[in-house]
Amino acid sequence: GADKLCTLLLRVKGGSDIILREREADA
């Protein structure tokens, strides 16, 4: 099933982090 979860974190200089999550069948 759609069970591969990707969490992507960006550390932005002088700002707050950006965090995104996506779930799909493949990584």
mmCIF file of all heavy atoms, coordinates in Angstrom:
data_MODEL
# 
_entry.id   MODEL 
# 
loop_
_atom_site.group_PDB 
_atom_site.id 
_atom_site.type_symbol 
_atom_site.label_atom_id 
_atom_site.label_alt_id 
_atom_site.label_comp_id 
_atom_site.label_asym_id 
_atom_site.label_entity_id 
_atom_site.label_seq_id 
_atom_site.pdbx_PDB_ins_code 
_atom_site.Cartn_x 
_atom_site.Cartn_y 
_atom_site.Cartn_z 
_atom_site.occupancy 
_atom_site.B_iso_or_equiv 
_atom_site.pdbx_formal_charge 
_atom_site.auth_seq_id 
_atom_site.auth_comp_id 
_atom_site.auth_asym_id 
_atom_site.auth_atom_id 
_atom_site.pdbx_PDB_model_num 
ATOM 1   N N   . GLY A 1 1  ? 0.821  -1.207 0.000  1.00 0.00 ? 1  GLY A N   1 
ATOM 2   C CA  . GLY A 1 1  ? 0.000  0.000  0.000  1.00 0.00 ? 1  GLY A CA  1 
ATOM 3   C C   . GLY A 1 1  ? 0.852  1.252  0.000  1.00 0.00 ? 1  GLY A C   1 
ATOM 4   O O   . GLY A 1 1  ? 2.066  1.206  -0.137 1.00 0.00 ? 1  GLY A O   1 
ATOM 5   N N   . ALA A 1 2  ? 0.200  2.386  0.151  1.00 0.00 ? 2  ALA A N   1 
ATOM 6   C CA  . ALA A 1 2  ? 0.893  3.678  0.177  1.00 0.00 ? 2  ALA A CA  1 
ATOM 7   C C   . ALA A 1 2  ? 1.503  3.864  1.563  1.00 0.00 ? 2  ALA A C   1 
ATOM 8   O O   . ALA A 1 2  ? 0.992  4.605  2.390  1.00 0.00 ? 2  ALA A O   1 
ATOM 9   C CB  . ALA A 1 2  ? -0.066 4.803  -0.168 1.00 0.00 ? 2  ALA A CB  1 
ATOM 10  N N   . ASP A 1 3  ? 2.603  3.171  1.792  1.00 0.00 ? 3  ASP A N   1 
ATOM 11  C CA  . ASP A 1 3  ? 3.145  3.132  3.145  1.00 0.00 ? 3  ASP A CA  1 
ATOM 12  C C   . ASP A 1 3  ? 4.569  3.654  3.265  1.00 0.00 ? 3  ASP A C   1 
ATOM 13  O O   . ASP A 1 3  ? 5.207  3.467  4.282  1.00 0.00 ? 3  ASP A O   1 
ATOM 14  C CB  . ASP A 1 3  ? 3.084  1.714  3.688  1.00 0.00 ? 3  ASP A CB  1 
ATOM 15  C CG  . ASP A 1 3  ? 3.996  0.754  2.943  1.00 0.00 ? 3  ASP A CG  1 
ATOM 16  O OD1 . ASP A 1 3  ? 4.367  1.057  1.802  1.00 0.00 ? 3  ASP A OD1 1 
ATOM 17  O OD2 . ASP A 1 3  ? 4.347  -0.288 3.524  1.00 0.00 ? 3  ASP A OD2 1 
ATOM 18  N N   . LYS A 1 4  ? 5.069  4.333  2.247  1.00 0.00 ? 4  LYS A N   1 
ATOM 19  C CA  . LYS A 1 4  ? 6.402  4.935  2.336  1.00 0.00 ? 4  LYS A CA  1 
ATOM 20  C C   . LYS A 1 4  ? 6.212  6.409  2.677  1.00 0.00 ? 4  LYS A C   1 
ATOM 21  O O   . LYS A 1 4  ? 5.572  7.153  1.944  1.00 0.00 ? 4  LYS A O   1 
ATOM 22  C CB  . LYS A 1 4  ? 7.178  4.807  1.021  1.00 0.00 ? 4  LYS A CB  1 
ATOM 23  C CG  . LYS A 1 4  ? 7.335  3.382  0.503  1.00 0.00 ? 4  LYS A CG  1 
ATOM 24  C CD  . LYS A 1 4  ? 7.998  2.465  1.497  1.00 0.00 ? 4  LYS A CD  1 
ATOM 25  C CE  . LYS A 1 4  ? 8.279  1.113  0.919  1.00 0.00 ? 4  LYS A CE  1 
ATOM 26  N NZ  . LYS A 1 4  ? 7.161  0.202  0.892  1.00 0.00 ? 4  LYS A NZ  1 
ATOM 27  N N   . LEU A 1 5  ? 6.748  6.814  3.801  1.00 0.00 ? 5  LEU A N   1 
ATOM 28  C CA  . LEU A 1 5  ? 6.596  8.178  4.285  1.00 0.00 ? 5  LEU A CA  1 
ATOM 29  C C   . LEU A 1 5  ? 7.916  8.912  4.131  1.00 0.00 ? 5  LEU A C   1 
ATOM 30  O O   . LEU A 1 5  ? 8.961  8.425  4.557  1.00 0.00 ? 5  LEU A O   1 
ATOM 31  C CB  . LEU A 1 5  ? 6.174  8.164  5.756  1.00 0.00 ? 5  LEU A CB  1 
ATOM 32  C CG  . LEU A 1 5  ? 5.959  9.514  6.421  1.00 0.00 ? 5  LEU A CG  1 
ATOM 33  C CD1 . LEU A 1 5  ? 4.751  10.217 5.808  1.00 0.00 ? 5  LEU A CD1 1 
ATOM 34  C CD2 . LEU A 1 5  ? 5.756  9.323  7.917  1.00 0.00 ? 5  LEU A CD2 1 
ATOM 35  N N   . CYS A 1 6  ? 7.869  10.084 3.514  1.00 0.00 ? 6  CYS A N   1 
ATOM 36  C CA  . CYS A 1 6  ? 9.046  10.930 3.366  1.00 0.00 ? 6  CYS A CA  1 
ATOM 37  C C   . CYS A 1 6  ? 8.819  12.195 4.182  1.00 0.00 ? 6  CYS A C   1 
ATOM 38  O O   . CYS A 1 6  ? 7.824  12.887 3.993  1.00 0.00 ? 6  CYS A O   1 
ATOM 39  C CB  . CYS A 1 6  ? 9.280  11.302 1.903  1.00 0.00 ? 6  CYS A CB  1 
ATOM 40  S SG  . CYS A 1 6  ? 10.660 12.446 1.687  1.00 0.00 ? 6  CYS A SG  1 
ATOM 41  N N   . THR A 1 7  ? 9.736  12.463 5.096  1.00 0.00 ? 7  THR A N   1 
ATOM 42  C CA  . THR A 1 7  ? 9.730  13.707 5.850  1.00 0.00 ? 7  THR A CA  1 
ATOM 43  C C   . THR A 1 7  ? 10.937 14.499 5.391  1.00 0.00 ? 7  THR A C   1 
ATOM 44  O O   . THR A 1 7  ? 12.058 14.011 5.455  1.00 0.00 ? 7  THR A O   1 
ATOM 45  C CB  . THR A 1 7  ? 9.811  13.446 7.364  1.00 0.00 ? 7  THR A CB  1 
ATOM 46  O OG1 . THR A 1 7  ? 8.742  12.582 7.745  1.00 0.00 ? 7  THR A OG1 1 
ATOM 47  C CG2 . THR A 1 7  ? 9.732  14.747 8.144  1.00 0.00 ? 7  THR A CG2 1 
ATOM 48  N N   . LEU A 1 8  ? 10.706 15.697 4.915  1.00 0.00 ? 8  LEU A N   1 
ATOM 49  C CA  . LEU A 1 8  ? 11.778 16.539 4.410  1.00 0.00 ? 8  LEU A CA  1 
ATOM 50  C C   . LEU A 1 8  ? 11.867 17.782 5.296  1.00 0.00 ? 8  LEU A C   1 
ATOM 51  O O   . LEU A 1 8  ? 10.880 18.481 5.481  1.00 0.00 ? 8  LEU A O   1 
ATOM 52  C CB  . LEU A 1 8  ? 11.486 16.929 2.964  1.00 0.00 ? 8  LEU A CB  1 
ATOM 53  C CG  . LEU A 1 8  ? 12.696 17.282 2.120  1.00 0.00 ? 8  LEU A CG  1 
ATOM 54  C CD1 . LEU A 1 8  ? 12.400 17.027 0.657  1.00 0.00 ? 8  LEU A CD1 1 
ATOM 55  C CD2 . LEU A 1 8  ? 13.140 18.679 2.316  1.00 0.00 ? 8  LEU A CD2 1 
ATOM 56  N N   . LEU A 1 9  ? 13.037 18.006 5.876  1.00 0.00 ? 9  LEU A N   1 
ATOM 57  C CA  . LEU A 1 9  ? 13.271 19.144 6.756  1.00 0.00 ? 9  LEU A CA  1 
ATOM 58  C C   . LEU A 1 9  ? 14.310 20.063 6.140  1.00 0.00 ? 9  LEU A C   1 
ATOM 59  O O   . LEU A 1 9  ? 15.347 19.592 5.684  1.00 0.00 ? 9  LEU A O   1 
ATOM 60  C CB  . LEU A 1 9  ? 13.805 18.669 8.106  1.00 0.00 ? 9  LEU A CB  1 
ATOM 61  C CG  . LEU A 1 9  ? 12.930 17.769 8.943  1.00 0.00 ? 9  LEU A CG  1 
ATOM 62  C CD1 . LEU A 1 9  ? 13.260 16.332 8.674  1.00 0.00 ? 9  LEU A CD1 1 
ATOM 63  C CD2 . LEU A 1 9  ? 13.142 18.085 10.393 1.00 0.00 ? 9  LEU A CD2 1 
ATOM 64  N N   . LEU A 1 10 ? 14.024 21.347 6.114  1.00 0.00 ? 10 LEU A N   1 
ATOM 65  C CA  . LEU A 1 10 ? 14.985 22.351 5.659  1.00 0.00 ? 10 LEU A CA  1 
ATOM 66  C C   . LEU A 1 10 ? 15.282 23.288 6.818  1.00 0.00 ? 10 LEU A C   1 
ATOM 67  O O   . LEU A 1 10 ? 14.363 23.811 7.442  1.00 0.00 ? 10 LEU A O   1 
ATOM 68  C CB  . LEU A 1 10 ? 14.413 23.209 4.533  1.00 0.00 ? 10 LEU A CB  1 
ATOM 69  C CG  . LEU A 1 10 ? 14.345 22.673 3.134  1.00 0.00 ? 10 LEU A CG  1 
ATOM 70  C CD1 . LEU A 1 10 ? 13.882 23.777 2.198  1.00 0.00 ? 10 LEU A CD1 1 
ATOM 71  C CD2 . LEU A 1 10 ? 15.639 22.115 2.668  1.00 0.00 ? 10 LEU A CD2 1 
ATOM 72  N N   . ARG A 1 11 ? 16.538 23.487 7.098  1.00 0.00 ? 11 ARG A N   1 
ATOM 73  C CA  . ARG A 1 11 ? 16.937 24.489 8.095  1.00 0.00 ? 11 ARG A CA  1 
ATOM 74  C C   . ARG A 1 11 ? 17.229 25.771 7.335  1.00 0.00 ? 11 ARG A C   1 
ATOM 75  O O   . ARG A 1 11 ? 18.195 25.848 6.581  1.00 0.00 ? 11 ARG A O   1 
ATOM 76  C CB  . ARG A 1 11 ? 18.170 24.002 8.843  1.00 0.00 ? 11 ARG A CB  1 
ATOM 77  C CG  . ARG A 1 11 ? 18.816 24.986 9.782  1.00 0.00 ? 11 ARG A CG  1 
ATOM 78  C CD  . ARG A 1 11 ? 17.990 25.378 11.006 1.00 0.00 ? 11 ARG A CD  1 
ATOM 79  N NE  . ARG A 1 11 ? 17.294 24.335 11.694 1.00 0.00 ? 11 ARG A NE  1 
ATOM 80  C CZ  . ARG A 1 11 ? 17.738 23.679 12.765 1.00 0.00 ? 11 ARG A CZ  1 
ATOM 81  N NH1 . ARG A 1 11 ? 18.915 23.922 13.254 1.00 0.00 ? 11 ARG A NH1 1 
ATOM 82  N NH2 . ARG A 1 11 ? 16.984 22.757 13.342 1.00 0.00 ? 11 ARG A NH2 1 
ATOM 83  N N   . VAL A 1 12 ? 16.354 26.766 7.497  1.00 0.00 ? 12 VAL A N   1 
ATOM 84  C CA  . VAL A 1 12 ? 16.470 28.033 6.804  1.00 0.00 ? 12 VAL A CA  1 
ATOM 85  C C   . VAL A 1 12 ? 17.260 28.988 7.685  1.00 0.00 ? 12 VAL A C   1 
ATOM 86  O O   . VAL A 1 12 ? 16.940 29.161 8.861  1.00 0.00 ? 12 VAL A O   1 
ATOM 87  C CB  . VAL A 1 12 ? 15.077 28.618 6.485  1.00 0.00 ? 12 VAL A CB  1 
ATOM 88  C CG1 . VAL A 1 12 ? 15.188 29.947 5.758  1.00 0.00 ? 12 VAL A CG1 1 
ATOM 89  C CG2 . VAL A 1 12 ? 14.264 27.632 5.665  1.00 0.00 ? 12 VAL A CG2 1 
ATOM 90  N N   . LYS A 1 13 ? 18.287 29.600 7.123  1.00 0.00 ? 13 LYS A N   1 
ATOM 91  C CA  . LYS A 1 13 ? 19.111 30.547 7.875  1.00 0.00 ? 13 LYS A CA  1 
ATOM 92  C C   . LYS A 1 13 ? 18.279 31.754 8.273  1.00 0.00 ? 13 LYS A C   1 
ATOM 93  O O   . LYS A 1 13 ? 17.604 32.350 7.441  1.00 0.00 ? 13 LYS A O   1 
ATOM 94  C CB  . LYS A 1 13 ? 20.310 31.000 7.045  1.00 0.00 ? 13 LYS A CB  1 
ATOM 95  C CG  . LYS A 1 13 ? 21.290 29.892 6.755  1.00 0.00 ? 13 LYS A CG  1 
ATOM 96  C CD  . LYS A 1 13 ? 22.426 30.387 5.882  1.00 0.00 ? 13 LYS A CD  1 
ATOM 97  C CE  . LYS A 1 13 ? 23.348 29.240 5.525  1.00 0.00 ? 13 LYS A CE  1 
ATOM 98  N NZ  . LYS A 1 13 ? 24.386 29.645 4.577  1.00 0.00 ? 13 LYS A NZ  1 
ATOM 99  N N   . GLY A 1 14 ? 18.317 32.080 9.543  1.00 0.00 ? 14 GLY A N   1 
ATOM 100 C CA  . GLY A 1 14 ? 17.607 33.251 10.031 1.00 0.00 ? 14 GLY A CA  1 
ATOM 101 C C   . GLY A 1 14 ? 16.103 33.101 10.066 1.00 0.00 ? 14 GLY A C   1 
ATOM 102 O O   . GLY A 1 14 ? 15.382 34.083 10.163 1.00 0.00 ? 14 GLY A O   1 
ATOM 103 N N   . GLY A 1 15 ? 15.597 31.885 9.988  1.00 0.00 ? 15 GLY A N   1 
ATOM 104 C CA  . GLY A 1 15 ? 14.153 31.670 9.998  1.00 0.00 ? 15 GLY A CA  1 
ATOM 105 C C   . GLY A 1 15 ? 13.804 30.329 10.600 1.00 0.00 ? 15 GLY A C   1 
ATOM 106 O O   . GLY A 1 15 ? 14.673 29.591 11.069 1.00 0.00 ? 15 GLY A O   1 
ATOM 107 N N   . SER A 1 16 ? 12.537 30.005 10.588 1.00 0.00 ? 16 SER A N   1 
ATOM 108 C CA  . SER A 1 16 ? 12.099 28.728 11.133 1.00 0.00 ? 16 SER A CA  1 
ATOM 109 C C   . SER A 1 16 ? 12.263 27.626 10.090 1.00 0.00 ? 16 SER A C   1 
ATOM 110 O O   . SER A 1 16 ? 12.339 27.880 8.891  1.00 0.00 ? 16 SER A O   1 
ATOM 111 C CB  . SER A 1 16 ? 10.644 28.814 11.588 1.00 0.00 ? 16 SER A CB  1 
ATOM 112 O OG  . SER A 1 16 ? 9.818  29.197 10.515 1.00 0.00 ? 16 SER A OG  1 
ATOM 113 N N   . ASP A 1 17 ? 12.318 26.398 10.566 1.00 0.00 ? 17 ASP A N   1 
ATOM 114 C CA  . ASP A 1 17 ? 12.475 25.243 9.688  1.00 0.00 ? 17 ASP A CA  1 
ATOM 115 C C   . ASP A 1 17 ? 11.229 25.036 8.833  1.00 0.00 ? 17 ASP A C   1 
ATOM 116 O O   . ASP A 1 17 ? 10.123 25.421 9.215  1.00 0.00 ? 17 ASP A O   1 
ATOM 117 C CB  . ASP A 1 17 ? 12.712 23.974 10.509 1.00 0.00 ? 17 ASP A CB  1 
ATOM 118 C CG  . ASP A 1 17 ? 14.021 24.000 11.268 1.00 0.00 ? 17 ASP A CG  1 
ATOM 119 O OD1 . ASP A 1 17 ? 14.840 24.907 11.010 1.00 0.00 ? 17 ASP A OD1 1 
ATOM 120 O OD2 . ASP A 1 17 ? 14.218 23.117 12.109 1.00 0.00 ? 17 ASP A OD2 1 
ATOM 121 N N   . ILE A 1 18 ? 11.434 24.407 7.687  1.00 0.00 ? 18 ILE A N   1 
ATOM 122 C CA  . ILE A 1 18 ? 10.328 23.974 6.834  1.00 0.00 ? 18 ILE A CA  1 
ATOM 123 C C   . ILE A 1 18 ? 10.286 22.457 6.923  1.00 0.00 ? 18 ILE A C   1 
ATOM 124 O O   . ILE A 1 18 ? 11.296 21.787 6.701  1.00 0.00 ? 18 ILE A O   1 
ATOM 125 C CB  . ILE A 1 18 ? 10.537 24.423 5.373  1.00 0.00 ? 18 ILE A CB  1 
ATOM 126 C CG1 . ILE A 1 18 ? 10.538 25.949 5.278  1.00 0.00 ? 18 ILE A CG1 1 
ATOM 127 C CG2 . ILE A 1 18 ? 9.457  23.829 4.473  1.00 0.00 ? 18 ILE A CG2 1 
ATOM 128 C CD1 . ILE A 1 18 ? 10.887 26.485 3.908  1.00 0.00 ? 18 ILE A CD1 1 
ATOM 129 N N   . ILE A 1 19 ? 9.130  21.908 7.269  1.00 0.00 ? 19 ILE A N   1 
ATOM 130 C CA  . ILE A 1 19 ? 8.967  20.466 7.407  1.00 0.00 ? 19 ILE A CA  1 
ATOM 131 C C   . ILE A 1 19 ? 7.766  20.042 6.567  1.00 0.00 ? 19 ILE A C   1 
ATOM 132 O O   . ILE A 1 19 ? 6.672  20.577 6.728  1.00 0.00 ? 19 ILE A O   1 
ATOM 133 C CB  . ILE A 1 19 ? 8.732  20.063 8.877  1.00 0.00 ? 19 ILE A CB  1 
ATOM 134 C CG1 . ILE A 1 19 ? 9.878  20.556 9.751  1.00 0.00 ? 19 ILE A CG1 1 
ATOM 135 C CG2 . ILE A 1 19 ? 8.549  18.559 8.988  1.00 0.00 ? 19 ILE A CG2 1 
ATOM 136 C CD1 . ILE A 1 19 ? 9.627  20.411 11.230 1.00 0.00 ? 19 ILE A CD1 1 
ATOM 137 N N   . LEU A 1 20 ? 7.999  19.071 5.664  1.00 0.00 ? 20 LEU A N   1 
ATOM 138 C CA  . LEU A 1 20 ? 6.930  18.549 4.812  1.00 0.00 ? 20 LEU A CA  1 
ATOM 139 C C   . LEU A 1 20 ? 6.918  17.031 4.888  1.00 0.00 ? 20 LEU A C   1 
ATOM 140 O O   . LEU A 1 20 ? 7.974  16.394 4.981  1.00 0.00 ? 20 LEU A O   1 
ATOM 141 C CB  . LEU A 1 20 ? 7.150  18.968 3.355  1.00 0.00 ? 20 LEU A CB  1 
ATOM 142 C CG  . LEU A 1 20 ? 6.968  20.448 3.073  1.00 0.00 ? 20 LEU A CG  1 
ATOM 143 C CD1 . LEU A 1 20 ? 7.500  20.784 1.709  1.00 0.00 ? 20 LEU A CD1 1 
ATOM 144 C CD2 . LEU A 1 20 ? 5.517  20.811 3.156  1.00 0.00 ? 20 LEU A CD2 1 
ATOM 145 N N   . ARG A 1 21 ? 5.731  16.455 4.807  1.00 0.00 ? 21 ARG A N   1 
ATOM 146 C CA  . ARG A 1 21 ? 5.584  14.998 4.794  1.00 0.00 ? 21 ARG A CA  1 
ATOM 147 C C   . ARG A 1 21 ? 4.726  14.594 3.606  1.00 0.00 ? 21 ARG A C   1 
ATOM 148 O O   . ARG A 1 21 ? 3.710  15.217 3.330  1.00 0.00 ? 21 ARG A O   1 
ATOM 149 C CB  . ARG A 1 21 ? 4.934  14.519 6.079  1.00 0.00 ? 21 ARG A CB  1 
ATOM 150 C CG  . ARG A 1 21 ? 5.837  14.629 7.268  1.00 0.00 ? 21 ARG A CG  1 
ATOM 151 C CD  . ARG A 1 21 ? 5.229  13.959 8.500  1.00 0.00 ? 21 ARG A CD  1 
ATOM 152 N NE  . ARG A 1 21 ? 6.183  14.018 9.578  1.00 0.00 ? 21 ARG A NE  1 
ATOM 153 C CZ  . ARG A 1 21 ? 6.263  15.004 10.458 1.00 0.00 ? 21 ARG A CZ  1 
ATOM 154 N NH1 . ARG A 1 21 ? 5.433  16.011 10.387 1.00 0.00 ? 21 ARG A NH1 1 
ATOM 155 N NH2 . ARG A 1 21 ? 7.170  14.983 11.413 1.00 0.00 ? 21 ARG A NH2 1 
ATOM 156 N N   . GLU A 1 22 ? 5.152  13.521 2.946  1.00 0.00 ? 22 GLU A N   1 
ATOM 157 C CA  . GLU A 1 22 ? 4.393  12.945 1.835  1.00 0.00 ? 22 GLU A CA  1 
ATOM 158 C C   . GLU A 1 22 ? 4.390  11.435 1.982  1.00 0.00 ? 22 GLU A C   1 
ATOM 159 O O   . GLU A 1 22 ? 5.393  10.849 2.401  1.00 0.00 ? 22 GLU A O   1 
ATOM 160 C CB  . GLU A 1 22 ? 5.008  13.320 0.484  1.00 0.00 ? 22 GLU A CB  1 
ATOM 161 C CG  . GLU A 1 22 ? 4.769  14.739 0.067  1.00 0.00 ? 22 GLU A CG  1 
ATOM 162 C CD  . GLU A 1 22 ? 3.320  15.039 -0.276 1.00 0.00 ? 22 GLU A CD  1 
ATOM 163 O OE1 . GLU A 1 22 ? 2.552  14.104 -0.599 1.00 0.00 ? 22 GLU A OE1 1 
ATOM 164 O OE2 . GLU A 1 22 ? 2.957  16.216 -0.217 1.00 0.00 ? 22 GLU A OE2 1 
ATOM 165 N N   . ARG A 1 23 ? 3.285  10.812 1.612  1.00 0.00 ? 23 ARG A N   1 
ATOM 166 C CA  . ARG A 1 23 ? 3.162  9.355  1.681  1.00 0.00 ? 23 ARG A CA  1 
ATOM 167 C C   . ARG A 1 23 ? 2.791  8.834  0.303  1.00 0.00 ? 23 ARG A C   1 
ATOM 168 O O   . ARG A 1 23 ? 1.884  9.362  -0.348 1.00 0.00 ? 23 ARG A O   1 
ATOM 169 C CB  . ARG A 1 23 ? 2.087  8.971  2.683  1.00 0.00 ? 23 ARG A CB  1 
ATOM 170 C CG  . ARG A 1 23 ? 1.962  7.479  2.886  1.00 0.00 ? 23 ARG A CG  1 
ATOM 171 C CD  . ARG A 1 23 ? 0.905  7.185  3.897  1.00 0.00 ? 23 ARG A CD  1 
ATOM 172 N NE  . ARG A 1 23 ? 1.464  7.496  5.206  1.00 0.00 ? 23 ARG A NE  1 
ATOM 173 C CZ  . ARG A 1 23 ? 1.077  6.912  6.324  1.00 0.00 ? 23 ARG A CZ  1 
ATOM 174 N NH1 . ARG A 1 23 ? 0.111  6.032  6.306  1.00 0.00 ? 23 ARG A NH1 1 
ATOM 175 N NH2 . ARG A 1 23 ? 1.623  7.218  7.467  1.00 0.00 ? 23 ARG A NH2 1 
ATOM 176 N N   . GLU A 1 24 ? 3.511  7.811  -0.136 1.00 0.00 ? 24 GLU A N   1 
ATOM 177 C CA  . GLU A 1 24 ? 3.284  7.200  -1.450 1.00 0.00 ? 24 GLU A CA  1 
ATOM 178 C C   . GLU A 1 24 ? 3.526  5.698  -1.338 1.00 0.00 ? 24 GLU A C   1 
ATOM 179 O O   . GLU A 1 24 ? 3.975  5.194  -0.305 1.00 0.00 ? 24 GLU A O   1 
ATOM 180 C CB  . GLU A 1 24 ? 4.251  7.781  -2.496 1.00 0.00 ? 24 GLU A CB  1 
ATOM 181 C CG  . GLU A 1 24 ? 3.947  9.191  -2.923 1.00 0.00 ? 24 GLU A CG  1 
ATOM 182 C CD  . GLU A 1 24 ? 2.766  9.272  -3.871 1.00 0.00 ? 24 GLU A CD  1 
ATOM 183 O OE1 . GLU A 1 24 ? 2.504  8.305  -4.611 1.00 0.00 ? 24 GLU A OE1 1 
ATOM 184 O OE2 . GLU A 1 24 ? 2.109  10.318 -3.868 1.00 0.00 ? 24 GLU A OE2 1 
ATOM 185 N N   . ALA A 1 25 ? 3.287  5.004  -2.445 1.00 0.00 ? 25 ALA A N   1 
ATOM 186 C CA  . ALA A 1 25 ? 3.522  3.558  -2.480 1.00 0.00 ? 25 ALA A CA  1 
ATOM 187 C C   . ALA A 1 25 ? 5.013  3.232  -2.526 1.00 0.00 ? 25 ALA A C   1 
ATOM 188 O O   . ALA A 1 25 ? 5.437  2.182  -2.056 1.00 0.00 ? 25 ALA A O   1 
ATOM 189 C CB  . ALA A 1 25 ? 2.815  2.941  -3.684 1.00 0.00 ? 25 ALA A CB  1 
ATOM 190 N N   . ASP A 1 26 ? 5.823  4.134  -3.080 1.00 0.00 ? 26 ASP A N   1 
ATOM 191 C CA  . ASP A 1 26 ? 7.269  3.888  -3.136 1.00 0.00 ? 26 ASP A CA  1 
ATOM 192 C C   . ASP A 1 26 ? 8.016  5.104  -2.586 1.00 0.00 ? 26 ASP A C   1 
ATOM 193 O O   . ASP A 1 26 ? 7.523  6.230  -2.606 1.00 0.00 ? 26 ASP A O   1 
ATOM 194 C CB  . ASP A 1 26 ? 7.733  3.564  -4.557 1.00 0.00 ? 26 ASP A CB  1 
ATOM 195 C CG  . ASP A 1 26 ? 7.538  4.726  -5.502 1.00 0.00 ? 26 ASP A CG  1 
ATOM 196 O OD1 . ASP A 1 26 ? 6.373  5.112  -5.741 1.00 0.00 ? 26 ASP A OD1 1 
ATOM 197 O OD2 . ASP A 1 26 ? 8.550  5.251  -5.986 1.00 0.00 ? 26 ASP A OD2 1 
ATOM 198 N N   . ALA A 1 27 ? 9.208  4.857  -2.091 1.00 0.00 ? 27 ALA A N   1 
ATOM 199 C CA  . ALA A 1 27 ? 10.008 5.897  -1.437 1.00 0.00 ? 27 ALA A CA  1 
ATOM 200 C C   . ALA A 1 27 ? 10.382 7.004  -2.415 1.00 0.00 ? 27 ALA A C   1 
ATOM 201 O O   . ALA A 1 27 ? 10.360 8.185  -2.051 1.00 0.00 ? 27 ALA A O   1 
ATOM 202 C CB  . ALA A 1 27 ? 11.258 5.278  -0.822 1.00 0.00 ? 27 ALA A CB  1 
# 
